[in-house]
Amino acid sequence: MKIKIKKTHPNATMPTYATDGAACFDLYAATVNGAAQIGDICYPGHPVVVDTGLAFEVPEGYMLRIASRSGLAFKHGIDAFPGVIDSDYRGPVKVLLKCWHLDEDEPPVRIDPGDRIAQAYVCAVPRVTFTEVEELSATARGVGGFGSTGGGKVELRLETAERVLRGEE
């Protein structure tokens, strides 16, 4: 599949695959919080907006999905918020990063233009139609939601949270 890309900023770097077997391609920072030369610091709890300086022409029936880079998350505690780029969007792709490390002794992380800040992949998005019904077919799981397939700890936490919301604790 070929994707057309327009550079919307002179600092923009074309996406790259890190390895032949990589499922996602890397996205790079062109500007960080609007700064094209010096970048910015990612402090715990404070989001950073990173412009890739690229606009993508995603084919109809597909979307571009933004995801975190595992190395950035593991080494520096920085996640990219998941993002969806629709096939009819033609503007620059921006990524919202957030630092979540809780160790106050950990130095803040600087994000500079040219840094790999997220990864993305293209996937098919089938168009669906919706039918309202009175009943859904039965399954073994039924209406079991959060934690229903994993074990008791999550269920206990949810029960406690529900009691707190009802003012019982």
N, C-alpha and C. Protein backbone atom coordinates (compact mmCIF):
# COMPACT_ATOMS: atom_id res chain seq x y z
N MET A 1 0.85 -1.17 0.00
CA MET A 1 0.00 0.00 0.00
C MET A 1 0.89 1.24 0.00
N LYS A 2 0.52 2.20 -0.79
CA LYS A 2 1.26 3.45 -0.84
C LYS A 2 0.42 4.54 -0.18
N ILE A 3 1.09 5.36 0.63
CA ILE A 3 0.44 6.47 1.31
C ILE A 3 1.14 7.76 0.87
N LYS A 4 0.36 8.72 0.42
CA LYS A 4 0.91 10.03 0.06
C LYS A 4 1.11 10.84 1.33
N ILE A 5 2.27 11.52 1.41
CA ILE A 5 2.59 12.34 2.57
C ILE A 5 3.05 13.71 2.09
N LYS A 6 2.51 14.75 2.74
CA LYS A 6 2.92 16.12 2.44
C LYS A 6 3.64 16.67 3.67
N LYS A 7 4.84 17.23 3.45
CA LYS A 7 5.53 17.90 4.55
C LYS A 7 4.88 19.26 4.77
N THR A 8 4.46 19.51 6.02
CA THR A 8 3.83 20.78 6.36
C THR A 8 4.77 21.67 7.18
N HIS A 9 5.96 21.15 7.46
CA HIS A 9 6.96 21.90 8.22
C HIS A 9 8.34 21.50 7.72
N PRO A 10 9.27 22.47 7.60
CA PRO A 10 10.60 22.13 7.08
C PRO A 10 11.39 21.15 7.96
N ASN A 11 11.06 21.06 9.25
CA ASN A 11 11.75 20.11 10.14
C ASN A 11 11.23 18.68 10.00
N ALA A 12 10.19 18.47 9.23
CA ALA A 12 9.55 17.16 9.17
C ALA A 12 10.51 16.09 8.66
N THR A 13 10.39 14.91 9.28
CA THR A 13 11.15 13.73 8.88
C THR A 13 10.15 12.68 8.41
N MET A 14 10.41 12.09 7.26
CA MET A 14 9.52 11.05 6.75
C MET A 14 9.53 9.86 7.71
N PRO A 15 8.40 9.17 7.84
CA PRO A 15 8.32 8.00 8.73
C PRO A 15 9.28 6.90 8.27
N THR A 16 9.74 6.11 9.23
CA THR A 16 10.63 4.99 8.92
C THR A 16 10.22 3.76 9.71
N TYR A 17 10.51 2.60 9.15
CA TYR A 17 10.36 1.34 9.87
C TYR A 17 11.71 1.03 10.48
N ALA A 18 11.76 0.71 11.78
CA ALA A 18 13.02 0.43 12.47
C ALA A 18 13.64 -0.88 12.01
N THR A 19 12.81 -1.87 11.68
CA THR A 19 13.31 -3.17 11.21
C THR A 19 12.42 -3.66 10.08
N ASP A 20 12.88 -4.68 9.38
CA ASP A 20 12.08 -5.26 8.30
C ASP A 20 10.78 -5.87 8.81
N GLY A 21 10.78 -6.35 10.04
CA GLY A 21 9.59 -6.99 10.60
C GLY A 21 8.72 -6.09 11.45
N ALA A 22 9.06 -4.80 11.51
CA ALA A 22 8.29 -3.86 12.35
C ALA A 22 6.86 -3.73 11.84
N ALA A 23 5.89 -3.83 12.75
CA ALA A 23 4.49 -3.67 12.40
C ALA A 23 4.13 -2.20 12.23
N CYS A 24 4.82 -1.33 12.96
CA CYS A 24 4.54 0.10 12.95
C CYS A 24 5.73 0.87 12.40
N PHE A 25 5.44 2.07 11.89
CA PHE A 25 6.51 2.97 11.47
C PHE A 25 6.64 4.08 12.50
N ASP A 26 7.85 4.60 12.63
CA ASP A 26 8.12 5.65 13.62
C ASP A 26 7.75 7.02 13.08
N LEU A 27 7.23 7.85 13.98
CA LEU A 27 6.94 9.25 13.69
C LEU A 27 7.93 10.11 14.46
N TYR A 28 8.33 11.21 13.85
CA TYR A 28 9.36 12.09 14.41
C TYR A 28 8.78 13.46 14.72
N ALA A 29 9.38 14.13 15.69
CA ALA A 29 8.96 15.49 16.06
C ALA A 29 9.50 16.50 15.06
N ALA A 30 8.63 17.39 14.60
CA ALA A 30 9.05 18.54 13.81
C ALA A 30 9.08 19.77 14.72
N THR A 31 8.01 19.93 15.51
CA THR A 31 7.97 20.98 16.54
C THR A 31 7.43 20.37 17.83
N VAL A 32 7.82 20.95 18.95
CA VAL A 32 7.38 20.49 20.27
C VAL A 32 6.79 21.69 21.00
N ASN A 33 5.48 21.61 21.31
CA ASN A 33 4.77 22.75 21.89
C ASN A 33 5.02 24.03 21.09
N GLY A 34 5.09 23.89 19.78
CA GLY A 34 5.28 25.02 18.88
C GLY A 34 6.71 25.43 18.67
N ALA A 35 7.66 24.86 19.40
CA ALA A 35 9.08 25.23 19.27
C ALA A 35 9.74 24.36 18.21
N ALA A 36 10.25 25.00 17.16
CA ALA A 36 10.85 24.26 16.06
C ALA A 36 12.35 24.06 16.23
N GLN A 37 12.99 24.81 17.11
CA GLN A 37 14.44 24.73 17.24
C GLN A 37 14.89 24.05 18.53
N ILE A 38 14.25 24.40 19.63
CA ILE A 38 14.78 23.97 20.93
C ILE A 38 14.01 22.84 21.59
N GLY A 39 12.82 22.51 21.09
CA GLY A 39 12.03 21.46 21.73
C GLY A 39 11.44 21.93 23.04
N ASP A 40 11.12 20.96 23.91
CA ASP A 40 10.52 21.30 25.19
C ASP A 40 10.73 20.15 26.16
N ILE A 41 10.50 20.45 27.43
CA ILE A 41 10.65 19.46 28.50
C ILE A 41 9.31 18.78 28.75
N CYS A 42 9.33 17.48 28.94
CA CYS A 42 8.13 16.72 29.28
C CYS A 42 8.18 16.44 30.78
N TYR A 43 7.39 17.20 31.55
CA TYR A 43 7.32 17.04 33.00
C TYR A 43 6.20 16.07 33.35
N PRO A 44 6.35 15.33 34.45
CA PRO A 44 5.29 14.41 34.86
C PRO A 44 3.94 15.11 34.99
N GLY A 45 2.94 14.53 34.35
CA GLY A 45 1.58 15.05 34.44
C GLY A 45 1.24 16.17 33.48
N HIS A 46 2.23 16.69 32.74
CA HIS A 46 1.98 17.81 31.83
C HIS A 46 2.09 17.34 30.38
N PRO A 47 1.02 17.44 29.61
CA PRO A 47 1.07 16.99 28.23
C PRO A 47 1.93 17.89 27.36
N VAL A 48 2.50 17.29 26.34
CA VAL A 48 3.31 18.00 25.36
C VAL A 48 2.71 17.70 23.99
N VAL A 49 2.46 18.73 23.20
CA VAL A 49 1.92 18.55 21.85
C VAL A 49 3.08 18.56 20.86
N VAL A 50 3.20 17.48 20.12
CA VAL A 50 4.28 17.34 19.15
C VAL A 50 3.68 17.28 17.76
N ASP A 51 4.10 18.20 16.91
CA ASP A 51 3.67 18.22 15.51
C ASP A 51 4.68 17.42 14.70
N THR A 52 4.21 16.44 13.94
CA THR A 52 5.11 15.66 13.09
C THR A 52 5.52 16.43 11.85
N GLY A 53 4.77 17.49 11.53
CA GLY A 53 5.06 18.24 10.31
C GLY A 53 4.69 17.48 9.05
N LEU A 54 3.82 16.47 9.21
CA LEU A 54 3.41 15.64 8.08
C LEU A 54 1.89 15.57 8.01
N ALA A 55 1.37 15.59 6.79
CA ALA A 55 -0.05 15.33 6.53
C ALA A 55 -0.12 14.08 5.66
N PHE A 56 -1.02 13.18 6.01
CA PHE A 56 -1.13 11.89 5.33
C PHE A 56 -2.42 11.83 4.51
N GLU A 57 -2.34 11.23 3.33
CA GLU A 57 -3.53 10.93 2.55
C GLU A 57 -3.82 9.44 2.73
N VAL A 58 -4.60 9.15 3.75
CA VAL A 58 -4.95 7.77 4.08
C VAL A 58 -6.08 7.35 3.14
N PRO A 59 -5.96 6.20 2.48
CA PRO A 59 -7.01 5.76 1.56
C PRO A 59 -8.35 5.56 2.27
N GLU A 60 -9.43 5.80 1.54
CA GLU A 60 -10.77 5.58 2.07
C GLU A 60 -10.90 4.12 2.51
N GLY A 61 -11.54 3.91 3.65
CA GLY A 61 -11.71 2.57 4.19
C GLY A 61 -10.58 2.17 5.13
N TYR A 62 -9.65 3.10 5.37
CA TYR A 62 -8.51 2.84 6.26
C TYR A 62 -8.38 3.99 7.25
N MET A 63 -7.59 3.78 8.28
CA MET A 63 -7.24 4.84 9.22
C MET A 63 -5.78 4.68 9.59
N LEU A 64 -5.20 5.76 10.07
CA LEU A 64 -3.85 5.75 10.62
C LEU A 64 -4.01 5.77 12.14
N ARG A 65 -3.37 4.84 12.81
CA ARG A 65 -3.51 4.71 14.27
C ARG A 65 -2.20 5.08 14.93
N ILE A 66 -2.23 6.03 15.86
CA ILE A 66 -1.05 6.48 16.60
C ILE A 66 -0.93 5.67 17.88
N ALA A 67 0.29 5.22 18.19
CA ALA A 67 0.54 4.42 19.39
C ALA A 67 1.86 4.86 20.03
N SER A 68 2.03 4.49 21.29
CA SER A 68 3.27 4.78 22.02
C SER A 68 4.42 3.95 21.48
N ARG A 69 5.62 4.47 21.63
CA ARG A 69 6.83 3.70 21.37
C ARG A 69 7.22 3.04 22.69
N SER A 70 7.43 1.74 22.66
CA SER A 70 7.71 1.02 23.91
C SER A 70 8.99 1.51 24.57
N GLY A 71 10.01 1.83 23.80
CA GLY A 71 11.27 2.30 24.38
C GLY A 71 11.12 3.63 25.10
N LEU A 72 10.35 4.54 24.53
CA LEU A 72 10.12 5.84 25.17
C LEU A 72 9.34 5.65 26.47
N ALA A 73 8.37 4.75 26.46
CA ALA A 73 7.60 4.48 27.67
C ALA A 73 8.45 3.79 28.73
N PHE A 74 9.20 2.78 28.33
CA PHE A 74 9.98 1.99 29.28
C PHE A 74 11.15 2.78 29.86
N LYS A 75 11.89 3.49 29.01
CA LYS A 75 13.10 4.19 29.46
C LYS A 75 12.80 5.53 30.12
N HIS A 76 11.73 6.22 29.66
CA HIS A 76 11.51 7.58 30.13
C HIS A 76 10.12 7.83 30.72
N GLY A 77 9.25 6.81 30.69
CA GLY A 77 7.90 7.00 31.24
C GLY A 77 7.05 7.95 30.43
N ILE A 78 7.23 7.95 29.10
CA ILE A 78 6.46 8.85 28.24
C ILE A 78 5.58 8.03 27.31
N ASP A 79 4.29 8.33 27.34
CA ASP A 79 3.32 7.66 26.47
C ASP A 79 2.77 8.64 25.45
N ALA A 80 2.48 8.12 24.28
CA ALA A 80 1.72 8.87 23.29
C ALA A 80 0.25 8.48 23.47
N PHE A 81 -0.61 9.47 23.58
CA PHE A 81 -2.03 9.17 23.67
C PHE A 81 -2.45 8.52 22.35
N PRO A 82 -3.25 7.47 22.42
CA PRO A 82 -3.69 6.83 21.17
C PRO A 82 -4.45 7.83 20.31
N GLY A 83 -4.22 7.77 19.03
CA GLY A 83 -4.88 8.69 18.12
C GLY A 83 -5.36 7.98 16.88
N VAL A 84 -6.39 8.54 16.28
CA VAL A 84 -6.94 8.02 15.03
C VAL A 84 -6.91 9.15 14.00
N ILE A 85 -6.28 8.87 12.87
CA ILE A 85 -6.27 9.82 11.76
C ILE A 85 -7.22 9.26 10.71
N ASP A 86 -8.33 9.95 10.49
CA ASP A 86 -9.35 9.50 9.54
C ASP A 86 -8.88 9.70 8.10
N SER A 87 -9.51 8.96 7.19
CA SER A 87 -9.12 9.03 5.78
C SER A 87 -9.45 10.38 5.14
N ASP A 88 -10.36 11.14 5.71
CA ASP A 88 -10.70 12.44 5.12
C ASP A 88 -9.99 13.61 5.79
N TYR A 89 -9.08 13.36 6.74
CA TYR A 89 -8.31 14.42 7.38
C TYR A 89 -7.04 14.68 6.57
N ARG A 90 -6.77 15.93 6.28
CA ARG A 90 -5.59 16.29 5.48
C ARG A 90 -4.65 17.25 6.19
N GLY A 91 -4.86 17.50 7.45
CA GLY A 91 -4.01 18.42 8.20
C GLY A 91 -2.79 17.72 8.78
N PRO A 92 -1.93 18.49 9.43
CA PRO A 92 -0.72 17.91 10.03
C PRO A 92 -1.08 16.97 11.19
N VAL A 93 -0.37 15.87 11.26
CA VAL A 93 -0.58 14.90 12.34
C VAL A 93 0.19 15.38 13.56
N LYS A 94 -0.54 15.51 14.67
CA LYS A 94 0.07 15.91 15.94
C LYS A 94 -0.11 14.79 16.94
N VAL A 95 0.85 14.67 17.85
CA VAL A 95 0.84 13.61 18.85
C VAL A 95 0.87 14.25 20.23
N LEU A 96 0.02 13.78 21.11
CA LEU A 96 -0.01 14.26 22.49
C LEU A 96 0.79 13.28 23.35
N LEU A 97 1.88 13.77 23.93
CA LEU A 97 2.72 12.96 24.81
C LEU A 97 2.46 13.34 26.25
N LYS A 98 2.58 12.36 27.13
CA LYS A 98 2.45 12.64 28.56
C LYS A 98 3.45 11.80 29.32
N CYS A 99 4.17 12.46 30.23
CA CYS A 99 5.15 11.80 31.08
C CYS A 99 4.43 11.32 32.33
N TRP A 100 4.60 10.05 32.66
CA TRP A 100 3.90 9.50 33.81
C TRP A 100 4.82 8.96 34.89
N HIS A 101 6.15 9.08 34.73
CA HIS A 101 7.01 8.53 35.78
C HIS A 101 6.76 9.27 37.09
N LEU A 102 6.77 8.52 38.17
CA LEU A 102 6.40 9.07 39.47
C LEU A 102 7.59 9.36 40.36
N ASP A 103 8.77 8.96 39.95
CA ASP A 103 9.98 9.16 40.74
C ASP A 103 10.42 10.61 40.62
N GLU A 104 10.34 11.35 41.72
CA GLU A 104 10.70 12.77 41.68
C GLU A 104 12.18 12.98 41.45
N ASP A 105 13.00 11.95 41.72
CA ASP A 105 14.43 12.07 41.47
C ASP A 105 14.77 11.91 40.00
N GLU A 106 13.83 11.39 39.23
CA GLU A 106 14.03 11.19 37.79
C GLU A 106 14.05 12.57 37.11
N PRO A 107 15.06 12.84 36.30
CA PRO A 107 15.10 14.14 35.63
C PRO A 107 14.00 14.24 34.57
N PRO A 108 13.51 15.45 34.30
CA PRO A 108 12.52 15.61 33.23
C PRO A 108 13.16 15.23 31.89
N VAL A 109 12.33 14.85 30.96
CA VAL A 109 12.80 14.40 29.65
C VAL A 109 12.58 15.49 28.63
N ARG A 110 13.62 15.78 27.87
CA ARG A 110 13.55 16.78 26.82
C ARG A 110 13.16 16.10 25.51
N ILE A 111 12.18 16.66 24.83
CA ILE A 111 11.76 16.19 23.51
C ILE A 111 12.19 17.26 22.51
N ASP A 112 13.00 16.86 21.55
CA ASP A 112 13.54 17.80 20.56
C ASP A 112 13.05 17.45 19.16
N PRO A 113 13.01 18.46 18.27
CA PRO A 113 12.73 18.16 16.87
C PRO A 113 13.71 17.10 16.35
N GLY A 114 13.17 16.14 15.62
CA GLY A 114 13.98 15.05 15.10
C GLY A 114 13.91 13.79 15.94
N ASP A 115 13.40 13.90 17.19
CA ASP A 115 13.25 12.72 18.05
C ASP A 115 12.10 11.84 17.56
N ARG A 116 12.28 10.53 17.69
CA ARG A 116 11.18 9.59 17.42
C ARG A 116 10.23 9.66 18.62
N ILE A 117 8.99 10.00 18.37
CA ILE A 117 8.08 10.29 19.48
C ILE A 117 6.86 9.36 19.56
N ALA A 118 6.59 8.63 18.51
CA ALA A 118 5.43 7.73 18.50
C ALA A 118 5.61 6.77 17.33
N GLN A 119 4.69 5.84 17.25
CA GLN A 119 4.66 4.96 16.09
C GLN A 119 3.23 4.92 15.57
N ALA A 120 3.07 4.47 14.34
CA ALA A 120 1.75 4.43 13.73
C ALA A 120 1.63 3.24 12.79
N TYR A 121 0.40 2.88 12.53
CA TYR A 121 0.13 1.83 11.56
C TYR A 121 -1.18 2.14 10.85
N VAL A 122 -1.33 1.57 9.67
CA VAL A 122 -2.54 1.75 8.88
C VAL A 122 -3.37 0.48 9.01
N CYS A 123 -4.66 0.64 9.24
CA CYS A 123 -5.51 -0.55 9.32
C CYS A 123 -6.86 -0.28 8.66
N ALA A 124 -7.45 -1.36 8.17
CA ALA A 124 -8.75 -1.27 7.52
C ALA A 124 -9.83 -0.94 8.55
N VAL A 125 -10.78 -0.15 8.12
CA VAL A 125 -11.90 0.22 8.98
C VAL A 125 -13.19 -0.07 8.21
N PRO A 126 -13.79 -1.24 8.44
CA PRO A 126 -15.02 -1.54 7.72
C PRO A 126 -16.14 -0.60 8.15
N ARG A 127 -16.92 -0.17 7.21
CA ARG A 127 -18.08 0.67 7.52
C ARG A 127 -19.20 -0.26 7.95
N VAL A 128 -19.83 0.03 9.06
CA VAL A 128 -20.88 -0.84 9.59
C VAL A 128 -22.22 -0.12 9.58
N THR A 129 -23.27 -0.90 9.62
CA THR A 129 -24.61 -0.35 9.81
C THR A 129 -25.11 -0.86 11.15
N PHE A 130 -25.99 -0.13 11.75
CA PHE A 130 -26.46 -0.45 13.09
C PHE A 130 -27.94 -0.81 13.05
N THR A 131 -28.30 -1.84 13.80
CA THR A 131 -29.68 -2.28 13.92
C THR A 131 -30.05 -2.31 15.39
N GLU A 132 -31.05 -1.53 15.76
CA GLU A 132 -31.51 -1.55 17.14
C GLU A 132 -32.39 -2.77 17.36
N VAL A 133 -32.12 -3.50 18.45
CA VAL A 133 -32.89 -4.70 18.77
C VAL A 133 -33.33 -4.64 20.22
N GLU A 134 -34.28 -5.47 20.59
CA GLU A 134 -34.75 -5.57 21.97
C GLU A 134 -33.84 -6.45 22.80
N GLU A 135 -33.27 -7.49 22.20
CA GLU A 135 -32.43 -8.45 22.90
C GLU A 135 -31.20 -8.77 22.06
N LEU A 136 -30.09 -9.08 22.74
CA LEU A 136 -28.88 -9.55 22.09
C LEU A 136 -28.75 -11.05 22.35
N SER A 137 -28.01 -11.75 21.48
CA SER A 137 -27.83 -13.19 21.68
C SER A 137 -27.05 -13.44 22.96
N ALA A 138 -27.34 -14.55 23.60
CA ALA A 138 -26.69 -14.91 24.87
C ALA A 138 -25.29 -15.45 24.63
N THR A 139 -24.37 -15.18 25.58
CA THR A 139 -23.02 -15.74 25.55
C THR A 139 -22.69 -16.25 26.95
N ALA A 140 -21.63 -17.04 27.04
CA ALA A 140 -21.20 -17.53 28.35
C ALA A 140 -20.78 -16.38 29.25
N ARG A 141 -20.19 -15.34 28.69
CA ARG A 141 -19.73 -14.20 29.47
C ARG A 141 -20.89 -13.32 29.92
N GLY A 142 -21.86 -13.16 29.06
CA GLY A 142 -23.00 -12.32 29.40
C GLY A 142 -22.61 -10.86 29.51
N VAL A 143 -22.99 -10.22 30.61
CA VAL A 143 -22.74 -8.80 30.79
C VAL A 143 -21.50 -8.53 31.64
N GLY A 144 -20.70 -9.56 31.92
CA GLY A 144 -19.48 -9.37 32.72
C GLY A 144 -18.56 -8.37 32.07
N GLY A 145 -18.20 -7.32 32.79
CA GLY A 145 -17.38 -6.26 32.25
C GLY A 145 -16.00 -6.24 32.85
N PHE A 146 -15.59 -5.10 33.36
CA PHE A 146 -14.25 -4.89 33.90
C PHE A 146 -13.83 -6.01 34.84
N GLY A 147 -12.77 -6.70 34.49
CA GLY A 147 -12.21 -7.72 35.36
C GLY A 147 -12.98 -9.02 35.41
N SER A 148 -14.02 -9.16 34.61
CA SER A 148 -14.87 -10.34 34.72
C SER A 148 -14.19 -11.62 34.24
N THR A 149 -13.16 -11.51 33.44
CA THR A 149 -12.49 -12.72 32.95
C THR A 149 -11.13 -12.94 33.59
N GLY A 150 -10.72 -12.04 34.50
CA GLY A 150 -9.36 -12.12 35.03
C GLY A 150 -9.21 -12.69 36.42
N GLY A 151 -10.02 -12.35 37.32
CA GLY A 151 -9.85 -12.79 38.70
C GLY A 151 -10.55 -11.86 39.65
N GLY A 152 -10.50 -12.19 40.91
CA GLY A 152 -11.26 -11.48 41.92
C GLY A 152 -10.77 -10.11 42.29
N LYS A 153 -9.47 -9.81 42.13
CA LYS A 153 -8.94 -8.54 42.63
C LYS A 153 -9.63 -7.35 41.96
N VAL A 154 -9.78 -7.40 40.65
CA VAL A 154 -10.41 -6.28 39.96
C VAL A 154 -11.87 -6.17 40.37
N GLU A 155 -12.55 -7.31 40.48
CA GLU A 155 -13.95 -7.28 40.89
C GLU A 155 -14.09 -6.64 42.27
N LEU A 156 -13.20 -6.99 43.20
CA LEU A 156 -13.27 -6.41 44.55
C LEU A 156 -13.04 -4.91 44.50
N ARG A 157 -12.09 -4.47 43.69
CA ARG A 157 -11.83 -3.03 43.57
C ARG A 157 -13.05 -2.32 42.98
N LEU A 158 -13.67 -2.94 41.97
CA LEU A 158 -14.85 -2.33 41.37
C LEU A 158 -16.00 -2.26 42.37
N GLU A 159 -16.18 -3.33 43.13
CA GLU A 159 -17.23 -3.32 44.15
C GLU A 159 -16.98 -2.22 45.17
N THR A 160 -15.73 -2.06 45.59
CA THR A 160 -15.38 -1.00 46.54
C THR A 160 -15.65 0.37 45.93
N ALA A 161 -15.24 0.55 44.68
CA ALA A 161 -15.46 1.83 44.00
C ALA A 161 -16.95 2.14 43.89
N GLU A 162 -17.74 1.13 43.57
CA GLU A 162 -19.18 1.34 43.48
C GLU A 162 -19.77 1.73 44.83
N ARG A 163 -19.29 1.11 45.91
CA ARG A 163 -19.78 1.47 47.25
C ARG A 163 -19.39 2.91 47.59
N VAL A 164 -18.19 3.32 47.23
CA VAL A 164 -17.74 4.69 47.49
C VAL A 164 -18.63 5.66 46.72
N LEU A 165 -18.92 5.35 45.46
CA LEU A 165 -19.77 6.23 44.66
C LEU A 165 -21.18 6.34 45.24
N ARG A 166 -21.66 5.28 45.85
CA ARG A 166 -22.99 5.30 46.48
C ARG A 166 -22.95 5.95 47.86
N GLY A 167 -21.75 6.30 48.35
CA GLY A 167 -21.61 6.92 49.66
C GLY A 167 -21.65 5.95 50.81
N GLU A 168 -21.42 4.67 50.54
CA GLU A 168 -21.47 3.66 51.58
C GLU A 168 -20.13 3.48 52.28
N GLU A 169 -19.06 4.03 51.74
CA GLU A 169 -17.73 3.93 52.37
C GLU A 169 -17.07 5.29 52.40
